[in-house]
Amino acid sequence: MLVNFDSLEETSKIWIYQSNRAFTENEIAEIIPNIESFIGIWKRHGEDLKASYQIKYNQFIVIAVDENYNEVSGCSIDALVNLIKQFEQKFTVDLTNRLNISFKDNDNINVVSLADFQHYAKQQKITPNTVVFNNMLTKKADFAQNWEVTADKSWHKRFLVINN
């Protein structure tokens, strides 16, 4: 069942799917009803899942499920991944590559390979103050507080060059 994102418990499980490029307005207009339709009938072994979504910066699809209501199952997660894979094919984007890293450069969001991110960090083009997106988070409360943070406050800090 589709509910308002803000009404979900802070302990709700989340998945963050990052596109390798921003979606167009027309693509967003197509994605939204597909996600809403999917969540509206999303089930776990025949039982409703209480879920919601957000699309951030026209580039990140965030899905949340209140597992206090009903826990997700492997089959329900597979159904979600199938939906995301459909978006990948339809819009020729990469949403499931966890080795892509995103960061801000002024108001631009850059998505690069992990190897490129490490290279930029060594060149100090990525600094402790660079805003990064921590897409590895799994709880709604963490998403609100720790998703869009400076590199020194995320797992990304392991790649930074720190001058003493």
Foldseek 3Di string as FASTA:
>chain_A
DEDDPVPADQQWWKAKWFWQDADDPVLVVVLVVVVVVCLVCQDAVPHHWYKYWDQPPSTMIMITTRCVVPNHDPVSVVVVVVSVVVSCVVVVIHGPPPQWWWWDDPPDIHTDGVVVLLVCQVVVVQAQQTWTADRVDTGNNCNVPPGTGGCVRHPNCVSHDDDD
